[in-house]
PDB file of N, CA and C in Angstrom:
ATOM      1  N   MET A   1     -19.658 -14.083  -6.869  1.00  0.00           N
ATOM      2  CA  MET A   1     -18.797 -12.983  -6.490  1.00  0.00           C
ATOM      3  C   MET A   1     -18.093 -12.466  -7.741  1.00  0.00           C
ATOM      4  N   GLY A   2     -18.157 -11.171  -7.959  1.00  0.00           N
ATOM      5  CA  GLY A   2     -17.455 -10.568  -9.070  1.00  0.00           C
ATOM      6  C   GLY A   2     -16.114 -10.039  -8.613  1.00  0.00           C
ATOM      7  N   LYS A   3     -15.188  -9.898  -9.524  1.00  0.00           N
ATOM      8  CA  LYS A   3     -13.882  -9.363  -9.168  1.00  0.00           C
ATOM      9  C   LYS A   3     -13.419  -8.499 -10.321  1.00  0.00           C
ATOM     10  N   SER A   4     -13.005  -7.268 -10.026  1.00  0.00           N
ATOM     11  CA  SER A   4     -12.479  -6.402 -11.070  1.00  0.00           C
ATOM     12  C   SER A   4     -11.280  -5.661 -10.524  1.00  0.00           C
ATOM     13  N   ARG A   5     -10.463  -5.160 -11.408  1.00  0.00           N
ATOM     14  CA  ARG A   5      -9.278  -4.435 -10.992  1.00  0.00           C
ATOM     15  C   ARG A   5      -9.170  -3.170 -11.814  1.00  0.00           C
ATOM     16  N   THR A   6      -9.029  -2.046 -11.127  1.00  0.00           N
ATOM     17  CA  THR A   6      -8.887  -0.763 -11.786  1.00  0.00           C
ATOM     18  C   THR A   6      -7.686  -0.061 -11.187  1.00  0.00           C
ATOM     19  N   GLY A   7      -6.662   0.159 -11.963  1.00  0.00           N
ATOM     20  CA  GLY A   7      -5.461   0.814 -11.433  1.00  0.00           C
ATOM     21  C   GLY A   7      -4.907   0.026 -10.257  1.00  0.00           C
ATOM     22  N   ASP A   8      -4.742   0.709  -9.118  1.00  0.00           N
ATOM     23  CA  ASP A   8      -4.214   0.045  -7.935  1.00  0.00           C
ATOM     24  C   ASP A   8      -5.293  -0.440  -6.985  1.00  0.00           C
ATOM     25  N   ALA A   9      -6.554  -0.278  -7.358  1.00  0.00           N
ATOM     26  CA  ALA A   9      -7.644  -0.725  -6.483  1.00  0.00           C
ATOM     27  C   ALA A   9      -8.210  -2.034  -7.003  1.00  0.00           C
ATOM     28  N   GLU A  10      -8.367  -2.980  -6.113  1.00  0.00           N
ATOM     29  CA  GLU A  10      -8.966  -4.257  -6.468  1.00  0.00           C
ATOM     30  C   GLU A  10     -10.297  -4.345  -5.731  1.00  0.00           C
ATOM     31  N   ILE A  11     -11.356  -4.685  -6.446  1.00  0.00           N
ATOM     32  CA  ILE A  11     -12.677  -4.755  -5.839  1.00  0.00           C
ATOM     33  C   ILE A  11     -13.151  -6.198  -5.905  1.00  0.00           C
ATOM     34  N   ARG A  12     -13.528  -6.739  -4.748  1.00  0.00           N
ATOM     35  CA  ARG A  12     -14.046  -8.102  -4.679  1.00  0.00           C
ATOM     36  C   ARG A  12     -15.414  -8.073  -4.045  1.00  0.00           C
ATOM     37  N   GLY A  13     -16.297  -8.909  -4.493  1.00  0.00           N
ATOM     38  CA  GLY A  13     -17.600  -9.015  -3.853  1.00  0.00           C
ATOM     39  C   GLY A  13     -18.698  -9.265  -4.855  1.00  0.00           C
ATOM     40  N   PRO A  14     -19.943  -9.326  -4.359  1.00  0.00           N
ATOM     41  CA  PRO A  14     -21.076  -9.530  -5.257  1.00  0.00           C
ATOM     42  C   PRO A  14     -21.194  -8.389  -6.246  1.00  0.00           C
ATOM     43  N   CYS A  15     -21.985  -8.573  -7.267  1.00  0.00           N
ATOM     44  CA  CYS A  15     -22.089  -7.591  -8.336  1.00  0.00           C
ATOM     45  C   CYS A  15     -23.005  -6.419  -8.005  1.00  0.00           C
ATOM     46  N   TYR A  16     -23.710  -6.424  -6.891  1.00  0.00           N
ATOM     47  CA  TYR A  16     -24.560  -5.293  -6.559  1.00  0.00           C
ATOM     48  C   TYR A  16     -23.875  -4.416  -5.514  1.00  0.00           C
ATOM     49  N   PRO A  17     -24.083  -3.079  -5.605  1.00  0.00           N
ATOM     50  CA  PRO A  17     -23.407  -2.186  -4.679  1.00  0.00           C
ATOM     51  C   PRO A  17     -24.071  -2.179  -3.310  1.00  0.00           C
ATOM     52  N   SER A  18     -23.270  -2.043  -2.291  1.00  0.00           N
ATOM     53  CA  SER A  18     -23.786  -1.927  -0.928  1.00  0.00           C
ATOM     54  C   SER A  18     -22.893  -0.941  -0.198  1.00  0.00           C
ATOM     55  N   LEU A  19     -23.308   0.316  -0.167  1.00  0.00           N
ATOM     56  CA  LEU A  19     -22.465   1.350   0.423  1.00  0.00           C
ATOM     57  C   LEU A  19     -22.154   1.060   1.873  1.00  0.00           C
ATOM     58  N   ALA A  20     -23.149   0.525   2.603  1.00  0.00           N
ATOM     59  CA  ALA A  20     -22.911   0.254   4.019  1.00  0.00           C
ATOM     60  C   ALA A  20     -21.988  -0.935   4.196  1.00  0.00           C
ATOM     61  N   GLY A  21     -21.807  -1.765   3.168  1.00  0.00           N
ATOM     62  CA  GLY A  21     -20.988  -2.955   3.297  1.00  0.00           C
ATOM     63  C   GLY A  21     -19.552  -2.763   2.846  1.00  0.00           C
ATOM     64  N   LEU A  22     -19.157  -1.524   2.525  1.00  0.00           N
ATOM     65  CA  LEU A  22     -17.786  -1.290   2.063  1.00  0.00           C
ATOM     66  C   LEU A  22     -16.795  -1.376   3.212  1.00  0.00           C
ATOM     67  N   LEU A  23     -15.778  -2.177   3.010  1.00  0.00           N
ATOM     68  CA  LEU A  23     -14.697  -2.288   3.983  1.00  0.00           C
ATOM     69  C   LEU A  23     -13.395  -2.110   3.220  1.00  0.00           C
ATOM     70  N   GLY A  24     -12.555  -1.208   3.661  1.00  0.00           N
ATOM     71  CA  GLY A  24     -11.286  -0.985   2.970  1.00  0.00           C
ATOM     72  C   GLY A  24     -10.131  -1.592   3.747  1.00  0.00           C
ATOM     73  N   GLN A  25      -9.184  -2.182   3.043  1.00  0.00           N
ATOM     74  CA  GLN A  25      -8.002  -2.766   3.669  1.00  0.00           C
ATOM     75  C   GLN A  25      -6.797  -2.499   2.781  1.00  0.00           C
ATOM     76  N   TRP A  26      -5.630  -2.340   3.402  1.00  0.00           N
ATOM     77  CA  TRP A  26      -4.396  -2.218   2.643  1.00  0.00           C
ATOM     78  C   TRP A  26      -3.869  -3.616   2.389  1.00  0.00           C
ATOM     79  N   ASN A  27      -3.365  -3.869   1.187  1.00  0.00           N
ATOM     80  CA  ASN A  27      -2.855  -5.189   0.845  1.00  0.00           C
ATOM     81  C   ASN A  27      -1.785  -5.010  -0.229  1.00  0.00           C
ATOM     82  N   ASP A  28      -0.509  -5.162   0.146  1.00  0.00           N
ATOM     83  CA  ASP A  28       0.594  -5.048  -0.805  1.00  0.00           C
ATOM     84  C   ASP A  28       0.523  -3.774  -1.638  1.00  0.00           C
ATOM     85  N   ASP A  29       0.467  -2.612  -0.991  1.00  0.00           N
ATOM     86  CA  ASP A  29       0.399  -1.325  -1.660  1.00  0.00           C
ATOM     87  C   ASP A  29      -0.866  -1.118  -2.495  1.00  0.00           C
ATOM     88  N   ARG A  30      -1.890  -1.930  -2.283  1.00  0.00           N
ATOM     89  CA  ARG A  30      -3.162  -1.756  -2.973  1.00  0.00           C
ATOM     90  C   ARG A  30      -4.244  -1.608  -1.913  1.00  0.00           C
ATOM     91  N   ILE A  31      -5.334  -0.967  -2.283  1.00  0.00           N
ATOM     92  CA  ILE A  31      -6.495  -0.911  -1.407  1.00  0.00           C
ATOM     93  C   ILE A  31      -7.470  -1.970  -1.900  1.00  0.00           C
ATOM     94  N   VAL A  32      -7.850  -2.880  -1.023  1.00  0.00           N
ATOM     95  CA  VAL A  32      -8.828  -3.898  -1.369  1.00  0.00           C
ATOM     96  C   VAL A  32     -10.156  -3.487  -0.747  1.00  0.00           C
ATOM     97  N   VAL A  33     -11.171  -3.321  -1.575  1.00  0.00           N
ATOM     98  CA  VAL A  33     -12.499  -2.932  -1.104  1.00  0.00           C
ATOM     99  C   VAL A  33     -13.409  -4.135  -1.285  1.00  0.00           C
ATOM    100  N   THR A  34     -13.994  -4.596  -0.211  1.00  0.00           N
ATOM    101  CA  THR A  34     -14.920  -5.721  -0.267  1.00  0.00           C
ATOM    102  C   THR A  34     -16.338  -5.177  -0.210  1.00  0.00           C
ATOM    103  N   ILE A  35     -17.137  -5.554  -1.179  1.00  0.00           N
ATOM    104  CA  ILE A  35     -18.529  -5.126  -1.210  1.00  0.00           C
ATOM    105  C   ILE A  35     -19.373  -6.327  -0.819  1.00  0.00           C
ATOM    106  N   GLY A  36     -20.148  -6.168   0.235  1.00  0.00           N
ATOM    107  CA  GLY A  36     -20.953  -7.282   0.708  1.00  0.00           C
ATOM    108  C   GLY A  36     -22.370  -6.854   0.976  1.00  0.00           C
ATOM    109  N   PRO A  37     -23.189  -7.804   1.347  1.00  0.00           N
ATOM    110  CA  PRO A  37     -24.594  -7.492   1.604  1.00  0.00           C
ATOM    111  C   PRO A  37     -24.768  -6.667   2.877  1.00  0.00           C
ATOM    112  N   MET A  38     -25.889  -5.982   2.972  1.00  0.00           N
ATOM    113  CA  MET A  38     -26.240  -5.236   4.179  1.00  0.00           C
ATOM    114  C   MET A  38     -26.397  -6.224   5.334  1.00  0.00           C
ATOM    115  N   THR A  39     -26.237  -5.714   6.517  1.00  0.00           N
ATOM    116  CA  THR A  39     -26.481  -6.517   7.710  1.00  0.00           C
ATOM    117  C   THR A  39     -27.531  -5.804   8.556  1.00  0.00           C
ATOM    118  N   TYR A  40     -28.017  -6.491   9.559  1.00  0.00           N
ATOM    119  CA  TYR A  40     -28.990  -5.846  10.444  1.00  0.00           C
ATOM    120  C   TYR A  40     -28.361  -4.673  11.183  1.00  0.00           C
ATOM    121  N   HIS A  41     -27.046  -4.697  11.371  1.00  0.00           N
ATOM    122  CA  HIS A  41     -26.364  -3.561  12.004  1.00  0.00           C
ATOM    123  C   HIS A  41     -26.483  -2.307  11.136  1.00  0.00           C
ATOM    124  N   ASP A  42     -26.356  -2.467   9.817  1.00  0.00           N
ATOM    125  CA  ASP A  42     -26.476  -1.329   8.894  1.00  0.00           C
ATOM    126  C   ASP A  42     -27.865  -0.707   8.974  1.00  0.00           C
ATOM    127  N   LEU A  43     -28.894  -1.542   8.952  1.00  0.00           N
ATOM    128  CA  LEU A  43     -30.262  -1.034   9.036  1.00  0.00           C
ATOM    129  C   LEU A  43     -30.522  -0.396  10.394  1.00  0.00           C
ATOM    130  N   TYR A  44     -30.055  -1.044  11.444  1.00  0.00           N
ATOM    131  CA  TYR A  44     -30.246  -0.511  12.798  1.00  0.00           C
ATOM    132  C   TYR A  44     -29.606   0.873  12.935  1.00  0.00           C
ATOM    133  N   ARG A  45     -28.367   1.020  12.429  1.00  0.00           N
ATOM    134  CA  ARG A  45     -27.682   2.324  12.494  1.00  0.00           C
ATOM    135  C   ARG A  45     -28.456   3.390  11.730  1.00  0.00           C
ATOM    136  N   LYS A  46     -28.971   3.037  10.538  1.00  0.00           N
ATOM    137  CA  LYS A  46     -29.714   4.011   9.733  1.00  0.00           C
ATOM    138  C   LYS A  46     -30.998   4.443  10.447  1.00  0.00           C
ATOM    139  N   LEU A  47     -31.648   3.520  11.128  1.00  0.00           N
ATOM    140  CA  LEU A  47     -32.885   3.834  11.849  1.00  0.00           C
ATOM    141  C   LEU A  47     -32.644   4.698  13.079  1.00  0.00           C
ATOM    142  N   HIS A  48     -31.437   4.657  13.629  1.00  0.00           N
ATOM    143  CA  HIS A  48     -31.165   5.365  14.881  1.00  0.00           C
ATOM    144  C   HIS A  48     -30.253   6.579  14.734  1.00  0.00           C
ATOM    145  N   VAL A  49     -30.116   7.088  13.514  1.00  0.00           N
ATOM    146  CA  VAL A  49     -29.369   8.335  13.296  1.00  0.00           C
ATOM    147  C   VAL A  49     -30.143   9.461  13.970  1.00  0.00           C
ATOM    148  N   GLU A  50     -29.442  10.319  14.711  1.00  0.00           N
ATOM    149  CA  GLU A  50     -30.081  11.465  15.381  1.00  0.00           C
ATOM    150  C   GLU A  50     -29.656  12.749  14.691  1.00  0.00           C
ATOM    151  N   PRO A  51     -30.539  13.590  14.256  1.00  0.00           N
ATOM    152  CA  PRO A  51     -31.982  13.378  14.200  1.00  0.00           C
ATOM    153  C   PRO A  51     -32.324  12.422  13.064  1.00  0.00           C
ATOM    154  N   PHE A  52     -33.413  11.687  13.237  1.00  0.00           N
ATOM    155  CA  PHE A  52     -33.844  10.736  12.215  1.00  0.00           C
ATOM    156  C   PHE A  52     -34.216  11.478  10.934  1.00  0.00           C
ATOM    157  N   LYS A  53     -33.757  10.933   9.796  1.00  0.00           N
ATOM    158  CA  LYS A  53     -34.111  11.478   8.489  1.00  0.00           C
ATOM    159  C   LYS A  53     -34.796  10.375   7.697  1.00  0.00           C
ATOM    160  N   PRO A  54     -36.007  10.633   7.180  1.00  0.00           N
ATOM    161  CA  PRO A  54     -36.688   9.615   6.370  1.00  0.00           C
ATOM    162  C   PRO A  54     -35.792   9.152   5.222  1.00  0.00           C
ATOM    163  N   PHE A  55     -35.885   7.860   4.902  1.00  0.00           N
ATOM    164  CA  PHE A  55     -35.048   7.315   3.837  1.00  0.00           C
ATOM    165  C   PHE A  55     -35.805   6.258   3.055  1.00  0.00           C
ATOM    166  N   ARG A  56     -35.219   5.896   1.941  1.00  0.00           N
ATOM    167  CA  ARG A  56     -35.795   4.899   1.035  1.00  0.00           C
ATOM    168  C   ARG A  56     -34.855   3.707   0.981  1.00  0.00           C
ATOM    169  N   LEU A  57     -35.431   2.504   1.075  1.00  0.00           N
ATOM    170  CA  LEU A  57     -34.679   1.265   0.880  1.00  0.00           C
ATOM    171  C   LEU A  57     -34.873   0.818  -0.559  1.00  0.00           C
ATOM    172  N   ARG A  58     -33.805   0.432  -1.228  1.00  0.00           N
ATOM    173  CA  ARG A  58     -33.927  -0.175  -2.557  1.00  0.00           C
ATOM    174  C   ARG A  58     -33.462  -1.618  -2.416  1.00  0.00           C
ATOM    175  N   LEU A  59     -34.294  -2.540  -2.919  1.00  0.00           N
ATOM    176  CA  LEU A  59     -33.992  -3.960  -2.819  1.00  0.00           C
ATOM    177  C   LEU A  59     -33.419  -4.480  -4.131  1.00  0.00           C
ATOM    178  N   THR A  60     -32.877  -5.692  -4.108  1.00  0.00           N
ATOM    179  CA  THR A  60     -32.239  -6.267  -5.292  1.00  0.00           C
ATOM    180  C   THR A  60     -33.198  -6.432  -6.467  1.00  0.00           C
ATOM    181  N   ASN A  61     -34.513  -6.524  -6.198  1.00  0.00           N
ATOM    182  CA  ASN A  61     -35.492  -6.661  -7.290  1.00  0.00           C
ATOM    183  C   ASN A  61     -36.042  -5.297  -7.732  1.00  0.00           C
ATOM    184  N   SER A  62     -35.396  -4.208  -7.330  1.00  0.00           N
ATOM    185  CA  SER A  62     -35.737  -2.819  -7.654  1.00  0.00           C
ATOM    186  C   SER A  62     -36.951  -2.286  -6.898  1.00  0.00           C
ATOM    187  N   THR A  63     -37.497  -3.055  -5.971  1.00  0.00           N
ATOM    188  CA  THR A  63     -38.573  -2.558  -5.117  1.00  0.00           C
ATOM    189  C   THR A  63     -38.016  -1.463  -4.220  1.00  0.00           C
ATOM    190  N   VAL A  64     -38.800  -0.417  -3.979  1.00  0.00           N
ATOM    191  CA  VAL A  64     -38.403   0.619  -3.032  1.00  0.00           C
ATOM    192  C   VAL A  64     -39.436   0.703  -1.922  1.00  0.00           C
ATOM    193  N   ILE A  65     -38.962   0.909  -0.704  1.00  0.00           N
ATOM    194  CA  ILE A  65     -39.827   1.061   0.452  1.00  0.00           C
ATOM    195  C   ILE A  65     -39.371   2.302   1.200  1.00  0.00           C
ATOM    196  N   ASP A  66     -40.300   3.228   1.416  1.00  0.00           N
ATOM    197  CA  ASP A  66     -39.988   4.450   2.159  1.00  0.00           C
ATOM    198  C   ASP A  66     -40.132   4.197   3.654  1.00  0.00           C
ATOM    199  N   VAL A  67     -39.143   4.656   4.409  1.00  0.00           N
ATOM    200  CA  VAL A  67     -39.174   4.554   5.867  1.00  0.00           C
ATOM    201  C   VAL A  67     -39.269   5.981   6.388  1.00  0.00           C
ATOM    202  N   ARG A  68     -40.445   6.359   6.861  1.00  0.00           N
ATOM    203  CA  ARG A  68     -40.693   7.731   7.303  1.00  0.00           C
ATOM    204  C   ARG A  68     -40.544   7.905   8.806  1.00  0.00           C
ATOM    205  N   GLU A  69     -40.637   6.797   9.552  1.00  0.00           N
ATOM    206  CA  GLU A  69     -40.482   6.818  11.003  1.00  0.00           C
ATOM    207  C   GLU A  69     -39.741   5.553  11.420  1.00  0.00           C
ATOM    208  N   PRO A  70     -38.841   5.643  12.400  1.00  0.00           N
ATOM    209  CA  PRO A  70     -38.091   4.452  12.806  1.00  0.00           C
ATOM    210  C   PRO A  70     -38.878   3.507  13.710  1.00  0.00           C
ATOM    211  N   GLY A  71     -39.869   4.016  14.444  1.00  0.00           N
ATOM    212  CA  GLY A  71     -40.560   3.234  15.457  1.00  0.00           C
ATOM    213  C   GLY A  71     -41.220   1.955  14.988  1.00  0.00           C
ATOM    214  N   PRO A  72     -41.967   1.976  13.867  1.00  0.00           N
ATOM    215  CA  PRO A  72     -42.694   0.770  13.484  1.00  0.00           C
ATOM    216  C   PRO A  72     -41.849  -0.298  12.788  1.00  0.00           C
ATOM    217  N   VAL A  73     -40.566  -0.071  12.576  1.00  0.00           N
ATOM    218  CA  VAL A  73     -39.713  -1.041  11.893  1.00  0.00           C
ATOM    219  C   VAL A  73     -39.186  -2.053  12.913  1.00  0.00           C
ATOM    220  N   ILE A  74     -39.338  -3.329  12.588  1.00  0.00           N
ATOM    221  CA  ILE A  74     -38.826  -4.401  13.446  1.00  0.00           C
ATOM    222  C   ILE A  74     -37.630  -5.018  12.733  1.00  0.00           C
ATOM    223  N   VAL A  75     -36.473  -4.987  13.377  1.00  0.00           N
ATOM    224  CA  VAL A  75     -35.242  -5.497  12.778  1.00  0.00           C
ATOM    225  C   VAL A  75     -34.887  -6.825  13.418  1.00  0.00           C
ATOM    226  N   GLY A  76     -34.728  -7.849  12.596  1.00  0.00           N
ATOM    227  CA  GLY A  76     -34.275  -9.152  13.050  1.00  0.00           C
ATOM    228  C   GLY A  76     -32.883  -9.414  12.511  1.00  0.00           C
ATOM    229  N   GLU A  77     -32.346 -10.577  12.805  1.00  0.00           N
ATOM    230  CA  GLU A  77     -30.986 -10.904  12.370  1.00  0.00           C
ATOM    231  C   GLU A  77     -30.873 -11.008  10.849  1.00  0.00           C
ATOM    232  N   SER A  78     -31.889 -11.603  10.192  1.00  0.00           N
ATOM    233  CA  SER A  78     -31.808 -11.780   8.744  1.00  0.00           C
ATOM    234  C   SER A  78     -32.967 -11.132   7.987  1.00  0.00           C
ATOM    235  N   SER A  79     -33.953 -10.607   8.710  1.00  0.00           N
ATOM    236  CA  SER A  79     -35.100  -9.988   8.038  1.00  0.00           C
ATOM    237  C   SER A  79     -35.590  -8.785   8.835  1.00  0.00           C
ATOM    238  N   ALA A  80     -36.446  -8.009   8.199  1.00  0.00           N
ATOM    239  CA  ALA A  80     -37.040  -6.840   8.854  1.00  0.00           C
ATOM    240  C   ALA A  80     -38.497  -6.738   8.421  1.00  0.00           C
ATOM    241  N   VAL A  81     -39.323  -6.201   9.319  1.00  0.00           N
ATOM    242  CA  VAL A  81     -40.729  -5.961   9.025  1.00  0.00           C
ATOM    243  C   VAL A  81     -40.898  -4.453   8.925  1.00  0.00           C
ATOM    244  N   LEU A  82     -41.419  -3.995   7.774  1.00  0.00           N
ATOM    245  CA  LEU A  82     -41.575  -2.563   7.530  1.00  0.00           C
ATOM    246  C   LEU A  82     -43.006  -2.245   7.134  1.00  0.00           C
ATOM    247  N   PRO A  83     -43.596  -1.201   7.736  1.00  0.00           N
ATOM    248  CA  PRO A  83     -44.934  -0.798   7.301  1.00  0.00           C
ATOM    249  C   PRO A  83     -44.854  -0.181   5.903  1.00  0.00           C
ATOM    250  N   VAL A  84     -45.775  -0.562   5.036  1.00  0.00           N
ATOM    251  CA  VAL A  84     -45.812   0.013   3.692  1.00  0.00           C
ATOM    252  C   VAL A  84     -47.074   0.843   3.485  1.00  0.00           C
ATOM    253  N   GLU A  85     -48.039   0.703   4.404  1.00  0.00           N
ATOM    254  CA  GLU A  85     -49.249   1.521   4.359  1.00  0.00           C
ATOM    255  C   GLU A  85     -49.657   1.803   5.803  1.00  0.00           C
ATOM    256  N   THR A  86     -49.785   3.086   6.141  1.00  0.00           N
ATOM    257  CA  THR A  86     -50.178   3.465   7.493  1.00  0.00           C
ATOM    258  C   THR A  86     -51.370   4.404   7.440  1.00  0.00           C
ATOM    259  N   MET A  87     -52.005   4.555   8.575  1.00  0.00           N
ATOM    260  CA  MET A  87     -53.099   5.517   8.684  1.00  0.00           C
ATOM    261  C   MET A  87     -53.087   6.097  10.090  1.00  0.00           C
ATOM    262  N   VAL A  88     -53.714   7.245  10.235  1.00  0.00           N
ATOM    263  CA  VAL A  88     -53.854   7.875  11.541  1.00  0.00           C
ATOM    264  C   VAL A  88     -55.316   7.731  11.938  1.00  0.00           C
ATOM    265  N   ASP A  89     -55.558   7.136  13.128  1.00  0.00           N
ATOM    266  CA  ASP A  89     -56.944   6.938  13.554  1.00  0.00           C
ATOM    267  C   ASP A  89     -57.538   8.237  14.097  1.00  0.00           C
ATOM    268  N   ASP A  90     -58.790   8.190  14.540  1.00  0.00           N
ATOM    269  CA  ASP A  90     -59.480   9.394  15.001  1.00  0.00           C
ATOM    270  C   ASP A  90     -58.894   9.970  16.285  1.00  0.00           C
ATOM    271  N   ARG A  91     -58.037   9.227  16.962  1.00  0.00           N
ATOM    272  CA  ARG A  91     -57.359   9.729  18.167  1.00  0.00           C
ATOM    273  C   ARG A  91     -55.934  10.205  17.879  1.00  0.00           C
ATOM    274  N   GLY A  92     -55.540  10.166  16.614  1.00  0.00           N
ATOM    275  CA  GLY A  92     -54.210  10.640  16.242  1.00  0.00           C
ATOM    276  C   GLY A  92     -53.110   9.594  16.344  1.00  0.00           C
ATOM    277  N   VAL A  93     -53.493   8.330  16.501  1.00  0.00           N
ATOM    278  CA  VAL A  93     -52.507   7.252  16.610  1.00  0.00           C
ATOM    279  C   VAL A  93     -52.225   6.689  15.220  1.00  0.00           C
ATOM    280  N   ARG A  94     -50.943   6.634  14.847  1.00  0.00           N
ATOM    281  CA  ARG A  94     -50.563   6.071  13.545  1.00  0.00           C
ATOM    282  C   ARG A  94     -50.452   4.558  13.694  1.00  0.00           C
ATOM    283  N   ILE A  95     -51.151   3.835  12.813  1.00  0.00           N
ATOM    284  CA  ILE A  95     -51.099   2.379  12.841  1.00  0.00           C
ATOM    285  C   ILE A  95     -50.751   1.848  11.455  1.00  0.00           C
ATOM    286  N   ALA A  96     -50.192   0.642  11.415  1.00  0.00           N
ATOM    287  CA  ALA A  96     -49.855   0.001  10.142  1.00  0.00           C
ATOM    288  C   ALA A  96     -51.080  -0.732   9.617  1.00  0.00           C
ATOM    289  N   ARG A  97     -51.410  -0.482   8.358  1.00  0.00           N
ATOM    290  CA  ARG A  97     -52.514  -1.206   7.711  1.00  0.00           C
ATOM    291  C   ARG A  97     -51.975  -2.354   6.876  1.00  0.00           C
ATOM    292  N   ASN A  98     -50.732  -2.231   6.439  1.00  0.00           N
ATOM    293  CA  ASN A  98     -50.096  -3.256   5.618  1.00  0.00           C
ATOM    294  C   ASN A  98     -48.590  -3.174   5.844  1.00  0.00           C
ATOM    295  N   TRP A  99     -47.900  -4.296   5.749  1.00  0.00           N
ATOM    296  CA  TRP A  99     -46.460  -4.322   5.974  1.00  0.00           C
ATOM    297  C   TRP A  99     -45.827  -5.386   5.100  1.00  0.00           C
ATOM    298  N   LYS A 100     -44.505  -5.309   4.985  1.00  0.00           N
ATOM    299  CA  LYS A 100     -43.729  -6.296   4.233  1.00  0.00           C
ATOM    300  C   LYS A 100     -42.619  -6.818   5.120  1.00  0.00           C
ATOM    301  N   THR A 101     -42.350  -8.086   4.982  1.00  0.00           N
ATOM    302  CA  THR A 101     -41.169  -8.680   5.604  1.00  0.00           C
ATOM    303  C   THR A 101     -40.146  -8.845   4.496  1.00  0.00           C
ATOM    304  N   ILE A 102     -38.970  -8.288   4.708  1.00  0.00           N
ATOM    305  CA  ILE A 102     -37.921  -8.341   3.680  1.00  0.00           C
ATOM    306  C   ILE A 102     -36.680  -9.021   4.234  1.00  0.00           C
ATOM    307  N   SER A 103     -35.893  -9.579   3.350  1.00  0.00           N
ATOM    308  CA  SER A 103     -34.593 -10.126   3.725  1.00  0.00           C
ATOM    309  C   SER A 103     -33.594  -8.968   3.751  1.00  0.00           C
ATOM    310  N   ILE A 104     -32.887  -8.815   4.839  1.00  0.00           N
ATOM    311  CA  ILE A 104     -31.917  -7.717   4.954  1.00  0.00           C
ATOM    312  C   ILE A 104     -30.815  -7.856   3.902  1.00  0.00           C
ATOM    313  N   ALA A 105     -30.470  -9.089   3.543  1.00  0.00           N
ATOM    314  CA  ALA A 105     -29.431  -9.306   2.529  1.00  0.00           C
ATOM    315  C   ALA A 105     -29.853  -8.782   1.157  1.00  0.00           C
ATOM    316  N   HIS A 106     -31.149  -8.524   0.948  1.00  0.00           N
ATOM    317  CA  HIS A 106     -31.628  -8.007  -0.336  1.00  0.00           C
ATOM    318  C   HIS A 106     -31.660  -6.484  -0.389  1.00  0.00           C
ATOM    319  N   ILE A 107     -31.255  -5.811   0.682  1.00  0.00           N
ATOM    320  CA  ILE A 107     -31.184  -4.345   0.652  1.00  0.00           C
ATOM    321  C   ILE A 107     -29.930  -3.949  -0.120  1.00  0.00           C
ATOM    322  N   VAL A 108     -30.127  -3.165  -1.162  1.00  0.00           N
ATOM    323  CA  VAL A 108     -29.011  -2.720  -1.998  1.00  0.00           C
ATOM    324  C   VAL A 108     -28.477  -1.382  -1.512  1.00  0.00           C
ATOM    325  N   GLU A 109     -29.385  -0.449  -1.187  1.00  0.00           N
ATOM    326  CA  GLU A 109     -28.931   0.873  -0.777  1.00  0.00           C
ATOM    327  C   GLU A 109     -29.986   1.590   0.045  1.00  0.00           C
ATOM    328  N   PHE A 110     -29.521   2.599   0.774  1.00  0.00           N
ATOM    329  CA  PHE A 110     -30.372   3.551   1.460  1.00  0.00           C
ATOM    330  C   PHE A 110     -30.225   4.873   0.708  1.00  0.00           C
ATOM    331  N   SER A 111     -31.316   5.599   0.538  1.00  0.00           N
ATOM    332  CA  SER A 111     -31.210   6.949  -0.007  1.00  0.00           C
ATOM    333  C   SER A 111     -32.150   7.843   0.784  1.00  0.00           C
ATOM    334  N   ASP A 112     -31.688   9.047   1.083  1.00  0.00           N
ATOM    335  CA  ASP A 112     -32.495   9.985   1.854  1.00  0.00           C
ATOM    336  C   ASP A 112     -33.681  10.451   1.032  1.00  0.00           C
ATOM    337  N   ILE A 113     -34.794  10.676   1.709  1.00  0.00           N
ATOM    338  CA  ILE A 113     -35.984  11.230   1.065  1.00  0.00           C
ATOM    339  C   ILE A 113     -35.988  12.719   1.352  1.00  0.00           C
ATOM    340  N   ASP A 114     -36.090  13.524   0.309  1.00  0.00           N
ATOM    341  CA  ASP A 114     -36.157  14.973   0.479  1.00  0.00           C
ATOM    342  C   ASP A 114     -37.566  15.327   0.926  1.00  0.00           C
ATOM    343  N   THR A 115     -37.769  15.512   2.225  1.00  0.00           N
ATOM    344  CA  THR A 115     -39.111  15.754   2.769  1.00  0.00           C
ATOM    345  C   THR A 115     -39.685  17.080   2.283  1.00  0.00           C
ATOM    346  N   LYS A 116     -38.861  18.067   2.007  1.00  0.00           N
ATOM    347  CA  LYS A 116     -39.356  19.341   1.472  1.00  0.00           C
ATOM    348  C   LYS A 116     -39.933  19.144   0.079  1.00  0.00           C
ATOM    349  N   GLU A 117     -39.254  18.361  -0.742  1.00  0.00           N
ATOM    350  CA  GLU A 117     -39.719  18.067  -2.102  1.00  0.00           C
ATOM    351  C   GLU A 117     -41.013  17.267  -2.050  1.00  0.00           C
ATOM    352  N   GLU A 118     -41.107  16.310  -1.133  1.00  0.00           N
ATOM    353  CA  GLU A 118     -42.328  15.506  -0.977  1.00  0.00           C
ATOM    354  C   GLU A 118     -43.514  16.380  -0.588  1.00  0.00           C
ATOM    355  N   SER A 119     -43.284  17.366   0.291  1.00  0.00           N
ATOM    356  CA  SER A 119     -44.350  18.275   0.723  1.00  0.00           C
ATOM    357  C   SER A 119     -44.874  19.093  -0.451  1.00  0.00           C
ATOM    358  N   LYS A 120     -43.972  19.526  -1.340  1.00  0.00           N
ATOM    359  CA  LYS A 120     -44.382  20.317  -2.504  1.00  0.00           C
ATOM    360  C   LYS A 120     -45.243  19.476  -3.436  1.00  0.00           C
ATOM    361  N   LYS A 121     -44.911  18.177  -3.596  1.00  0.00           N
ATOM    362  CA  LYS A 121     -45.678  17.308  -4.482  1.00  0.00           C
ATOM    363  C   LYS A 121     -47.098  17.117  -3.967  1.00  0.00           C
ATOM    364  N   ARG A 122     -47.268  17.070  -2.640  1.00  0.00           N
ATOM    365  CA  ARG A 122     -48.587  16.846  -2.051  1.00  0.00           C
ATOM    366  C   ARG A 122     -49.458  18.080  -2.127  1.00  0.00           C
ATOM    367  N   SER A 123     -48.860  19.283  -2.232  1.00  0.00           N
ATOM    368  CA  SER A 123     -49.643  20.533  -2.246  1.00  0.00           C
ATOM    369  C   SER A 123     -50.323  20.758  -3.573  1.00  0.00           C
TER     370      SER A 123
END
C-alpha cells in the first residue's frame, strides 16, 4: 500500500489507479481518498450501463481486452471470462472462438472505445 499527501488531501491505497475503486471520506478537515482494486460490482455496473458502450479493460500487466458486447462476459466473484476472439457463423450467430479468464483484482481501468474511430480504421 502506498501513501502520499498533497496539500489537504491524503491518498492511501495500492500504487495502481482504480477509478471505480475511489471512495472519498472527510477526516479532520481533510479528504481521504482510498484507491483499491476493482470488484465484480464495478465490472457488472460497466457491463449494464444503458445504452451499452463498448469499452477496453486494462490489466495490471498492461494487457488490454476490448469488450464490444456485454452478453458473452461471465462475471464471478473474483474472476471474469471474456471473449477475445469471436466469429459470426453462416446463420448470423456470434460465437466465441477464444476467451480469457482474468482476475477482477487485476483490472486497472475501463476506457471507452470510440466506435466511430474504429469504423474509420477498418474502412
